[in-house]
C-alpha cells in the first residue's frame, strides 16, 4: 500500500507537498487582497490608477476579480512578463 494512501482510498499529500500548497494558497490570498485594495482605492477616487507588481497568479486574479472591479467602475489591465514568469496588474477607472 502506498504510504500516502489512506484506508479509505483517499490520497494524503506528502509532507513537503502540504507546505508547498499552504504557501501557494497564502500567496494567492495575499495577491488577491492586494488587487482588491487597488480596486478599492480607484473606486473611491483616491487614485486614478494603482499598479500591483510582481504577481505570480495574474490569470487567476483577472478571472476572479475582473467582474468585481467592473461593478465599481474599474478595469484591470495586465502587463505580462516574458516567459509567463508573472505579471503586473493596473487597476484604473473605466472612463480613463
C-alpha atoms as a PDB file:
ATOM      1  CA  UNK A   1       0.000   0.000   0.000  1.00  0.00           C
ATOM      2  CA  UNK A   2       1.298   3.429  -0.911  1.00  0.00           C
ATOM      3  CA  UNK A   3       2.321   5.166   2.300  1.00  0.00           C
ATOM      4  CA  UNK A   4       0.420   8.311   1.261  1.00  0.00           C
ATOM      5  CA  UNK A   5      -2.857   6.491   0.688  1.00  0.00           C
ATOM      6  CA  UNK A   6      -5.343   6.217   3.485  1.00  0.00           C
ATOM      7  CA  UNK A   7      -7.523   3.199   4.208  1.00  0.00           C
ATOM      8  CA  UNK A   8     -10.494   4.984   2.627  1.00  0.00           C
ATOM      9  CA  UNK A   9      -8.623   5.229  -0.718  1.00  0.00           C
ATOM     10  CA  UNK A  10      -8.207   8.959  -0.172  1.00  0.00           C
ATOM     11  CA  UNK A  11      -4.821  10.353  -1.017  1.00  0.00           C
ATOM     12  CA  UNK A  12      -2.879  12.261   1.594  1.00  0.00           C
ATOM     13  CA  UNK A  13      -0.315  14.750   0.462  1.00  0.00           C
ATOM     14  CA  UNK A  14       3.327  14.115   1.117  1.00  0.00           C
ATOM     15  CA  UNK A  15       4.585  16.312   3.985  1.00  0.00           C
ATOM     16  CA  UNK A  16       6.512  18.644   1.657  1.00  0.00           C
ATOM     17  CA  UNK A  17       3.504  18.997  -0.627  1.00  0.00           C
ATOM     18  CA  UNK A  18       1.417  20.323   2.254  1.00  0.00           C
ATOM     19  CA  UNK A  19       3.929  23.114   2.831  1.00  0.00           C
ATOM     20  CA  UNK A  20       4.005  23.964  -0.883  1.00  0.00           C
ATOM     21  CA  UNK A  21       0.211  24.003  -1.078  1.00  0.00           C
ATOM     22  CA  UNK A  22      -0.079  26.163   2.042  1.00  0.00           C
ATOM     23  CA  UNK A  23       2.480  28.631   0.685  1.00  0.00           C
ATOM     24  CA  UNK A  24       0.722  28.755  -2.684  1.00  0.00           C
ATOM     25  CA  UNK A  25      -2.673  29.356  -1.084  1.00  0.00           C
ATOM     26  CA  UNK A  26      -1.215  32.066   1.151  1.00  0.00           C
ATOM     27  CA  UNK A  27       0.406  33.819  -1.812  1.00  0.00           C
ATOM     28  CA  UNK A  28      -2.808  33.662  -3.853  1.00  0.00           C
ATOM     29  CA  UNK A  29      -4.763  35.113  -0.906  1.00  0.00           C
ATOM     30  CA  UNK A  30      -2.193  37.860  -0.455  1.00  0.00           C
ATOM     31  CA  UNK A  31      -2.193  38.778  -4.143  1.00  0.00           C
ATOM     32  CA  UNK A  32      -5.998  38.755  -4.193  1.00  0.00           C
ATOM     33  CA  UNK A  33      -6.069  41.102  -1.196  1.00  0.00           C
ATOM     34  CA  UNK A  34      -3.530  43.433  -2.869  1.00  0.00           C
ATOM     35  CA  UNK A  35      -5.515  43.680  -6.101  1.00  0.00           C
ATOM     36  CA  UNK A  36      -8.783  44.163  -4.187  1.00  0.00           C
ATOM     37  CA  UNK A  37      -7.139  47.015  -2.264  1.00  0.00           C
ATOM     38  CA  UNK A  38      -6.061  48.599  -5.571  1.00  0.00           C
ATOM     39  CA  UNK A  39      -9.623  48.274  -6.897  1.00  0.00           C
ATOM     40  CA  UNK A  40     -10.982  49.919  -3.733  1.00  0.00           C
ATOM     41  CA  UNK A  41      -8.546  52.854  -3.963  1.00  0.00           C
ATOM     42  CA  UNK A  42      -9.502  53.562  -7.551  1.00  0.00           C
ATOM     43  CA  UNK A  43     -13.233  53.027  -6.951  1.00  0.00           C
ATOM     44  CA  UNK A  44     -13.176  55.535  -4.041  1.00  0.00           C
ATOM     45  CA  UNK A  45     -11.378  58.094  -6.167  1.00  0.00           C
ATOM     46  CA  UNK A  46      -8.245  58.072  -4.005  1.00  0.00           C
ATOM     47  CA  UNK A  47      -6.195  57.333  -7.141  1.00  0.00           C
ATOM     48  CA  UNK A  48      -6.882  57.274 -10.858  1.00  0.00           C
ATOM     49  CA  UNK A  49      -4.827  54.098 -11.213  1.00  0.00           C
ATOM     50  CA  UNK A  50      -2.901  51.727  -8.981  1.00  0.00           C
ATOM     51  CA  UNK A  51      -0.367  49.162 -10.189  1.00  0.00           C
ATOM     52  CA  UNK A  52       0.278  45.952  -8.280  1.00  0.00           C
ATOM     53  CA  UNK A  53       3.581  44.409  -9.342  1.00  0.00           C
ATOM     54  CA  UNK A  54       5.218  41.016  -9.128  1.00  0.00           C
ATOM     55  CA  UNK A  55       2.100  38.858  -9.278  1.00  0.00           C
ATOM     56  CA  UNK A  56       2.513  35.127  -9.777  1.00  0.00           C
ATOM     57  CA  UNK A  57      -1.208  34.425 -10.238  1.00  0.00           C
ATOM     58  CA  UNK A  58      -2.204  37.033 -12.813  1.00  0.00           C
ATOM     59  CA  UNK A  59      -4.547  34.838 -14.835  1.00  0.00           C
ATOM     60  CA  UNK A  60      -6.382  33.602 -11.757  1.00  0.00           C
ATOM     61  CA  UNK A  61      -6.650  37.117 -10.333  1.00  0.00           C
ATOM     62  CA  UNK A  62      -8.076  38.505 -13.560  1.00  0.00           C
ATOM     63  CA  UNK A  63     -10.606  35.670 -13.745  1.00  0.00           C
ATOM     64  CA  UNK A  64     -11.649  36.144 -10.110  1.00  0.00           C
ATOM     65  CA  UNK A  65     -11.655  39.923  -9.850  1.00  0.00           C
ATOM     66  CA  UNK A  66     -12.475  41.456 -13.261  1.00  0.00           C
ATOM     67  CA  UNK A  67     -16.253  41.342 -12.740  1.00  0.00           C
ATOM     68  CA  UNK A  68     -15.883  42.660  -9.201  1.00  0.00           C
ATOM     69  CA  UNK A  69     -13.767  45.548 -10.497  1.00  0.00           C
ATOM     70  CA  UNK A  70     -16.163  46.293 -13.354  1.00  0.00           C
ATOM     71  CA  UNK A  71     -19.089  46.508 -10.958  1.00  0.00           C
ATOM     72  CA  UNK A  72     -17.444  49.522  -9.276  1.00  0.00           C
ATOM     73  CA  UNK A  73     -16.227  51.225 -12.473  1.00  0.00           C
ATOM     74  CA  UNK A  74     -12.696  49.834 -12.505  1.00  0.00           C
ATOM     75  CA  UNK A  75     -10.882  47.835 -15.183  1.00  0.00           C
ATOM     76  CA  UNK A  76      -7.898  45.552 -14.541  1.00  0.00           C
ATOM     77  CA  UNK A  77      -5.131  45.834 -17.122  1.00  0.00           C
ATOM     78  CA  UNK A  78      -2.413  43.152 -17.098  1.00  0.00           C
ATOM     79  CA  UNK A  79       1.185  43.691 -18.147  1.00  0.00           C
ATOM     80  CA  UNK A  80       2.536  40.209 -18.806  1.00  0.00           C
ATOM     81  CA  UNK A  81       6.168  39.390 -18.158  1.00  0.00           C
ATOM     82  CA  UNK A  82       8.218  37.408 -20.673  1.00  0.00           C
ATOM     83  CA  UNK A  83       8.147  33.618 -20.462  1.00  0.00           C
ATOM     84  CA  UNK A  84       4.976  33.550 -18.313  1.00  0.00           C
ATOM     85  CA  UNK A  85       7.033  34.486 -15.267  1.00  0.00           C
ATOM     86  CA  UNK A  86       4.257  36.640 -13.814  1.00  0.00           C
ATOM     87  CA  UNK A  87       2.594  39.958 -14.393  1.00  0.00           C
ATOM     88  CA  UNK A  88       1.706  43.364 -13.054  1.00  0.00           C
ATOM     89  CA  UNK A  89      -1.954  44.405 -12.881  1.00  0.00           C
ATOM     90  CA  UNK A  90      -3.065  48.017 -13.030  1.00  0.00           C
ATOM     91  CA  UNK A  91      -6.481  48.946 -11.672  1.00  0.00           C
ATOM     92  CA  UNK A  92      -7.816  52.056 -13.386  1.00  0.00           C
ATOM     93  CA  UNK A  93     -11.104  53.835 -13.852  1.00  0.00           C
ATOM     94  CA  UNK A  94     -13.079  52.578 -16.817  1.00  0.00           C
ATOM     95  CA  UNK A  95     -13.575  56.152 -18.039  1.00  0.00           C
ATOM     96  CA  UNK A  96      -9.860  56.765 -18.297  1.00  0.00           C
END
